[in-house]
N, C-alpha and C. Protein backbone atom coordinates (compact mmCIF):
# COMPACT_ATOMS: atom_id res chain seq x y z
N UNK A 1 -111.00 -152.88 52.50
CA UNK A 1 -110.87 -152.31 53.84
C UNK A 1 -110.88 -153.45 54.84
N UNK A 2 -110.10 -153.27 55.87
CA UNK A 2 -110.08 -154.27 56.93
C UNK A 2 -111.36 -154.16 57.75
N UNK A 3 -111.59 -155.17 58.57
CA UNK A 3 -112.78 -155.20 59.40
C UNK A 3 -112.80 -154.00 60.34
N UNK A 4 -111.66 -153.68 60.94
CA UNK A 4 -111.59 -152.55 61.88
C UNK A 4 -111.86 -151.22 61.16
N UNK A 5 -111.34 -151.07 59.96
CA UNK A 5 -111.59 -149.86 59.18
C UNK A 5 -113.08 -149.73 58.84
N UNK A 6 -113.70 -150.85 58.51
CA UNK A 6 -115.13 -150.82 58.19
C UNK A 6 -115.96 -150.45 59.41
N UNK A 7 -115.63 -151.01 60.55
CA UNK A 7 -116.36 -150.69 61.79
C UNK A 7 -116.18 -149.21 62.12
N UNK A 8 -114.96 -148.71 62.01
CA UNK A 8 -114.69 -147.30 62.30
C UNK A 8 -115.47 -146.39 61.33
N UNK A 9 -115.43 -146.72 60.04
CA UNK A 9 -116.14 -145.91 59.04
C UNK A 9 -117.65 -145.96 59.27
N UNK A 10 -118.17 -147.12 59.62
CA UNK A 10 -119.60 -147.25 59.91
C UNK A 10 -119.98 -146.40 61.12
N UNK A 11 -119.15 -146.44 62.15
CA UNK A 11 -119.40 -145.62 63.34
C UNK A 11 -119.35 -144.13 62.99
N UNK A 12 -118.41 -143.75 62.15
CA UNK A 12 -118.30 -142.35 61.73
C UNK A 12 -119.54 -141.92 60.95
N UNK A 13 -119.98 -142.75 60.01
CA UNK A 13 -121.15 -142.41 59.21
C UNK A 13 -122.40 -142.26 60.06
N UNK A 14 -122.63 -143.22 60.94
CA UNK A 14 -123.80 -143.15 61.82
C UNK A 14 -123.65 -141.98 62.78
N UNK A 15 -122.43 -141.76 63.28
CA UNK A 15 -122.18 -140.64 64.20
C UNK A 15 -122.46 -139.30 63.55
N UNK A 16 -122.01 -139.11 62.33
CA UNK A 16 -122.27 -137.87 61.60
C UNK A 16 -123.78 -137.67 61.45
N UNK A 17 -124.46 -138.73 61.05
CA UNK A 17 -125.91 -138.67 60.85
C UNK A 17 -126.62 -138.25 62.13
N UNK A 18 -126.27 -138.88 63.24
CA UNK A 18 -126.93 -138.59 64.53
C UNK A 18 -126.61 -137.17 64.99
N UNK A 19 -125.35 -136.76 64.89
CA UNK A 19 -124.95 -135.41 65.33
C UNK A 19 -125.67 -134.34 64.50
N UNK A 20 -125.76 -134.53 63.21
CA UNK A 20 -126.43 -133.55 62.35
C UNK A 20 -127.91 -133.46 62.69
N UNK A 21 -128.55 -134.60 62.86
CA UNK A 21 -129.97 -134.58 63.24
C UNK A 21 -130.18 -133.87 64.58
N UNK A 22 -129.29 -134.10 65.52
CA UNK A 22 -129.40 -133.44 66.83
C UNK A 22 -129.16 -131.93 66.70
N UNK A 23 -128.21 -131.53 65.86
CA UNK A 23 -127.96 -130.10 65.66
C UNK A 23 -129.16 -129.41 65.01
N UNK A 24 -129.81 -130.09 64.09
CA UNK A 24 -131.02 -129.53 63.47
C UNK A 24 -132.13 -129.43 64.51
N UNK A 25 -132.27 -130.46 65.32
CA UNK A 25 -133.32 -130.47 66.35
C UNK A 25 -133.13 -129.32 67.33
N UNK A 26 -131.88 -129.03 67.68
CA UNK A 26 -131.58 -127.94 68.63
C UNK A 26 -131.46 -126.58 67.94
N UNK A 27 -131.71 -126.54 66.64
CA UNK A 27 -131.67 -125.30 65.86
C UNK A 27 -130.27 -124.68 65.79
N UNK A 28 -129.25 -125.50 65.88
CA UNK A 28 -127.88 -125.01 65.73
C UNK A 28 -127.42 -125.11 64.27
N UNK A 29 -128.22 -125.83 63.47
CA UNK A 29 -127.95 -125.99 62.05
C UNK A 29 -129.31 -125.99 61.34
N UNK A 30 -129.39 -125.23 60.25
CA UNK A 30 -130.65 -125.18 59.50
C UNK A 30 -130.81 -126.42 58.63
N UNK A 31 -132.06 -126.75 58.35
CA UNK A 31 -132.35 -127.92 57.54
C UNK A 31 -131.67 -127.83 56.17
N UNK A 32 -131.66 -126.64 55.60
CA UNK A 32 -131.05 -126.43 54.29
C UNK A 32 -129.57 -126.83 54.30
N UNK A 33 -128.87 -126.46 55.35
CA UNK A 33 -127.45 -126.76 55.45
C UNK A 33 -127.19 -128.20 55.87
N UNK A 34 -128.15 -128.83 56.49
CA UNK A 34 -127.95 -130.19 57.00
C UNK A 34 -128.01 -131.23 55.89
N UNK A 35 -128.65 -130.91 54.78
CA UNK A 35 -128.87 -131.89 53.72
C UNK A 35 -127.56 -132.50 53.23
N UNK A 36 -126.58 -131.68 52.93
CA UNK A 36 -125.30 -132.18 52.43
C UNK A 36 -124.61 -133.07 53.47
N UNK A 37 -124.66 -132.66 54.73
CA UNK A 37 -124.03 -133.45 55.79
C UNK A 37 -124.72 -134.79 55.97
N UNK A 38 -126.04 -134.81 55.86
CA UNK A 38 -126.77 -136.08 55.98
C UNK A 38 -126.43 -137.01 54.82
N UNK A 39 -126.27 -136.45 53.63
CA UNK A 39 -125.86 -137.24 52.47
C UNK A 39 -124.47 -137.83 52.69
N UNK A 40 -123.57 -137.05 53.29
CA UNK A 40 -122.22 -137.54 53.57
C UNK A 40 -122.29 -138.73 54.53
N UNK A 41 -123.03 -138.58 55.61
CA UNK A 41 -123.16 -139.68 56.57
C UNK A 41 -123.76 -140.91 55.94
N UNK A 42 -124.80 -140.72 55.14
CA UNK A 42 -125.45 -141.83 54.46
C UNK A 42 -124.51 -142.48 53.45
N UNK A 43 -123.75 -141.65 52.73
CA UNK A 43 -122.79 -142.17 51.75
C UNK A 43 -121.73 -143.04 52.39
N UNK A 44 -121.24 -142.63 53.55
CA UNK A 44 -120.24 -143.43 54.26
C UNK A 44 -120.83 -144.78 54.63
N UNK A 45 -122.04 -144.77 55.18
CA UNK A 45 -122.69 -146.02 55.58
C UNK A 45 -122.91 -146.93 54.36
N UNK A 46 -123.35 -146.36 53.24
CA UNK A 46 -123.58 -147.16 52.03
C UNK A 46 -122.28 -147.78 51.54
N UNK A 47 -121.21 -147.01 51.50
CA UNK A 47 -119.92 -147.55 51.05
C UNK A 47 -119.43 -148.67 51.96
N UNK A 48 -119.65 -148.52 53.26
CA UNK A 48 -119.19 -149.54 54.20
C UNK A 48 -120.02 -150.82 54.06
N UNK A 49 -121.33 -150.66 53.95
CA UNK A 49 -122.20 -151.84 53.88
C UNK A 49 -122.21 -152.49 52.50
N UNK A 50 -122.00 -151.71 51.47
CA UNK A 50 -122.01 -152.23 50.10
C UNK A 50 -120.58 -152.20 49.57
N UNK A 51 -119.80 -153.17 50.00
CA UNK A 51 -118.37 -153.23 49.70
C UNK A 51 -118.10 -153.31 48.20
N UNK A 52 -118.97 -154.01 47.45
CA UNK A 52 -118.77 -154.14 46.00
C UNK A 52 -118.86 -152.79 45.30
N UNK A 53 -119.74 -151.91 45.78
CA UNK A 53 -119.86 -150.58 45.20
C UNK A 53 -118.55 -149.80 45.38
N UNK A 54 -117.99 -149.87 46.57
CA UNK A 54 -116.72 -149.18 46.83
C UNK A 54 -115.61 -149.75 45.94
N UNK A 55 -115.58 -151.05 45.79
CA UNK A 55 -114.58 -151.69 44.93
C UNK A 55 -114.77 -151.25 43.48
N UNK A 56 -116.01 -151.19 43.01
CA UNK A 56 -116.30 -150.78 41.64
C UNK A 56 -115.87 -149.33 41.40
N UNK A 57 -116.20 -148.44 42.34
CA UNK A 57 -115.82 -147.03 42.21
C UNK A 57 -114.30 -146.90 42.24
N UNK A 58 -113.64 -147.69 43.08
CA UNK A 58 -112.18 -147.66 43.15
C UNK A 58 -111.57 -148.00 41.80
N UNK A 59 -112.07 -149.04 41.16
CA UNK A 59 -111.56 -149.41 39.83
C UNK A 59 -111.96 -148.38 38.78
N UNK A 60 -113.15 -147.81 38.92
CA UNK A 60 -113.63 -146.82 37.95
C UNK A 60 -112.73 -145.59 37.91
N UNK A 61 -112.30 -145.11 39.08
CA UNK A 61 -111.46 -143.91 39.10
C UNK A 61 -109.98 -144.23 38.99
N UNK A 62 -109.64 -145.50 38.96
CA UNK A 62 -108.25 -145.90 38.79
C UNK A 62 -107.41 -145.86 40.05
N UNK A 63 -108.06 -145.86 41.20
CA UNK A 63 -107.33 -145.87 42.46
C UNK A 63 -106.83 -147.29 42.74
N UNK A 64 -105.80 -147.38 43.56
CA UNK A 64 -105.22 -148.69 43.87
C UNK A 64 -105.79 -149.30 45.14
N UNK A 65 -106.36 -148.47 46.00
CA UNK A 65 -106.91 -148.98 47.26
C UNK A 65 -108.24 -148.30 47.56
N UNK A 66 -109.09 -149.01 48.26
CA UNK A 66 -110.39 -148.46 48.62
C UNK A 66 -110.25 -147.25 49.54
N UNK A 67 -109.25 -147.27 50.40
CA UNK A 67 -109.06 -146.13 51.29
C UNK A 67 -108.69 -144.87 50.50
N UNK A 68 -107.99 -145.05 49.39
CA UNK A 68 -107.68 -143.91 48.52
C UNK A 68 -108.96 -143.32 47.94
N UNK A 69 -109.87 -144.18 47.54
CA UNK A 69 -111.16 -143.72 47.01
C UNK A 69 -111.91 -142.91 48.06
N UNK A 70 -111.95 -143.41 49.26
CA UNK A 70 -112.63 -142.70 50.35
C UNK A 70 -111.96 -141.36 50.60
N UNK A 71 -110.63 -141.33 50.59
CA UNK A 71 -109.89 -140.08 50.80
C UNK A 71 -110.21 -139.08 49.69
N UNK A 72 -110.24 -139.55 48.44
CA UNK A 72 -110.55 -138.66 47.31
C UNK A 72 -111.96 -138.09 47.45
N UNK A 73 -112.92 -138.95 47.77
CA UNK A 73 -114.29 -138.47 47.95
C UNK A 73 -114.37 -137.48 49.11
N UNK A 74 -113.64 -137.74 50.18
CA UNK A 74 -113.61 -136.81 51.31
C UNK A 74 -113.07 -135.45 50.90
N UNK A 75 -112.00 -135.46 50.11
CA UNK A 75 -111.42 -134.21 49.63
C UNK A 75 -112.40 -133.45 48.74
N UNK A 76 -113.06 -134.15 47.84
CA UNK A 76 -114.04 -133.51 46.96
C UNK A 76 -115.19 -132.93 47.78
N UNK A 77 -115.63 -133.66 48.78
CA UNK A 77 -116.72 -133.18 49.63
C UNK A 77 -116.32 -131.92 50.38
N UNK A 78 -115.10 -131.90 50.92
CA UNK A 78 -114.62 -130.71 51.63
C UNK A 78 -114.56 -129.51 50.68
N UNK A 79 -114.11 -129.72 49.47
CA UNK A 79 -114.06 -128.64 48.48
C UNK A 79 -115.47 -128.14 48.16
N UNK A 80 -116.42 -129.05 47.98
CA UNK A 80 -117.80 -128.65 47.69
C UNK A 80 -118.43 -127.89 48.86
N UNK A 81 -118.16 -128.34 50.07
CA UNK A 81 -118.69 -127.63 51.24
C UNK A 81 -118.09 -126.23 51.33
N UNK A 82 -116.80 -126.12 51.05
CA UNK A 82 -116.15 -124.81 51.08
C UNK A 82 -116.74 -123.90 50.01
N UNK A 83 -116.96 -124.42 48.83
CA UNK A 83 -117.57 -123.63 47.75
C UNK A 83 -118.98 -123.19 48.13
N UNK A 84 -119.77 -124.09 48.68
CA UNK A 84 -121.12 -123.77 49.12
C UNK A 84 -121.10 -122.67 50.18
N UNK A 85 -120.18 -122.79 51.12
CA UNK A 85 -120.06 -121.78 52.18
C UNK A 85 -119.66 -120.42 51.60
N UNK A 86 -118.77 -120.43 50.62
CA UNK A 86 -118.35 -119.18 49.99
C UNK A 86 -119.52 -118.51 49.26
N UNK A 87 -120.30 -119.29 48.55
CA UNK A 87 -121.47 -118.75 47.85
C UNK A 87 -122.46 -118.17 48.85
N UNK A 88 -122.71 -118.90 49.92
CA UNK A 88 -123.65 -118.42 50.93
C UNK A 88 -123.13 -117.16 51.62
N UNK A 89 -121.83 -117.10 51.90
CA UNK A 89 -121.23 -115.92 52.52
C UNK A 89 -121.35 -114.71 51.59
N UNK A 90 -121.11 -114.91 50.31
CA UNK A 90 -121.23 -113.82 49.34
C UNK A 90 -122.66 -113.29 49.31
N UNK A 91 -123.62 -114.19 49.31
CA UNK A 91 -125.03 -113.78 49.30
C UNK A 91 -125.37 -112.99 50.56
N UNK A 92 -124.91 -113.45 51.71
CA UNK A 92 -125.18 -112.75 52.97
C UNK A 92 -124.48 -111.40 53.01
N UNK A 93 -123.26 -111.33 52.48
CA UNK A 93 -122.53 -110.06 52.44
C UNK A 93 -123.29 -109.03 51.61
N UNK A 94 -123.84 -109.46 50.48
CA UNK A 94 -124.62 -108.55 49.63
C UNK A 94 -125.87 -108.08 50.36
N UNK A 95 -126.52 -108.99 51.07
CA UNK A 95 -127.72 -108.62 51.82
C UNK A 95 -127.40 -107.62 52.92
N UNK A 96 -126.29 -107.82 53.62
CA UNK A 96 -125.89 -106.89 54.68
C UNK A 96 -125.59 -105.52 54.09
N UNK A 97 -124.91 -105.49 52.96
CA UNK A 97 -124.59 -104.22 52.31
C UNK A 97 -125.88 -103.49 51.91
N UNK A 98 -126.82 -104.23 51.32
CA UNK A 98 -128.08 -103.62 50.92
C UNK A 98 -128.86 -103.11 52.13
N UNK A 99 -128.90 -103.87 53.20
CA UNK A 99 -129.59 -103.43 54.41
C UNK A 99 -128.93 -102.20 55.02
N UNK A 100 -127.60 -102.17 55.02
CA UNK A 100 -126.89 -101.01 55.56
C UNK A 100 -127.21 -99.76 54.73
N UNK A 101 -127.29 -99.91 53.42
CA UNK A 101 -127.64 -98.78 52.57
C UNK A 101 -129.07 -98.31 52.83
N UNK A 102 -129.98 -99.25 53.02
CA UNK A 102 -131.37 -98.88 53.30
C UNK A 102 -131.49 -98.17 54.65
N UNK A 103 -130.75 -98.64 55.65
CA UNK A 103 -130.77 -97.98 56.96
C UNK A 103 -130.20 -96.58 56.85
N UNK A 104 -129.12 -96.42 56.08
CA UNK A 104 -128.53 -95.10 55.89
C UNK A 104 -129.53 -94.16 55.22
N UNK A 105 -130.23 -94.64 54.21
CA UNK A 105 -131.24 -93.81 53.54
C UNK A 105 -132.38 -93.45 54.49
N UNK A 106 -132.80 -94.38 55.33
CA UNK A 106 -133.85 -94.09 56.31
C UNK A 106 -133.41 -93.04 57.31
N UNK A 107 -132.15 -93.12 57.75
CA UNK A 107 -131.63 -92.13 58.70
C UNK A 107 -131.57 -90.76 58.06
N UNK A 108 -131.19 -90.71 56.79
CA UNK A 108 -131.12 -89.43 56.08
C UNK A 108 -132.52 -88.85 55.91
N UNK A 109 -133.47 -89.70 55.59
CA UNK A 109 -134.84 -89.21 55.36
C UNK A 109 -135.52 -88.78 56.66
N UNK A 110 -135.07 -89.26 57.81
CA UNK A 110 -135.63 -88.85 59.10
C UNK A 110 -135.22 -87.44 59.47
N UNK A 111 -134.11 -86.98 58.97
CA UNK A 111 -133.59 -85.66 59.36
C UNK A 111 -134.29 -84.55 58.68
């Protein structure tokens, strides 16, 4: 990675970390959901500061450029976040359905 790319990636990693911590502090994001985002920010910073690790991972996966490795990891992370959100949505949908059924039963029993 060029110097400018490293500076930009470092700023992005630190920026993600700071924004997520601020969102948790303001209660706009729960701690449970913030964990993955904090790992992402930390991972970006580690890759930028530890250039040899990024080079090793690039060779390990058979990529030709370090930026390709970062892109691949970004894509995998987006897929994992989407999967996590789908699982959480399914769980919440089931809870809403169960609560609606309980409310309906309570309304019937009141009559």
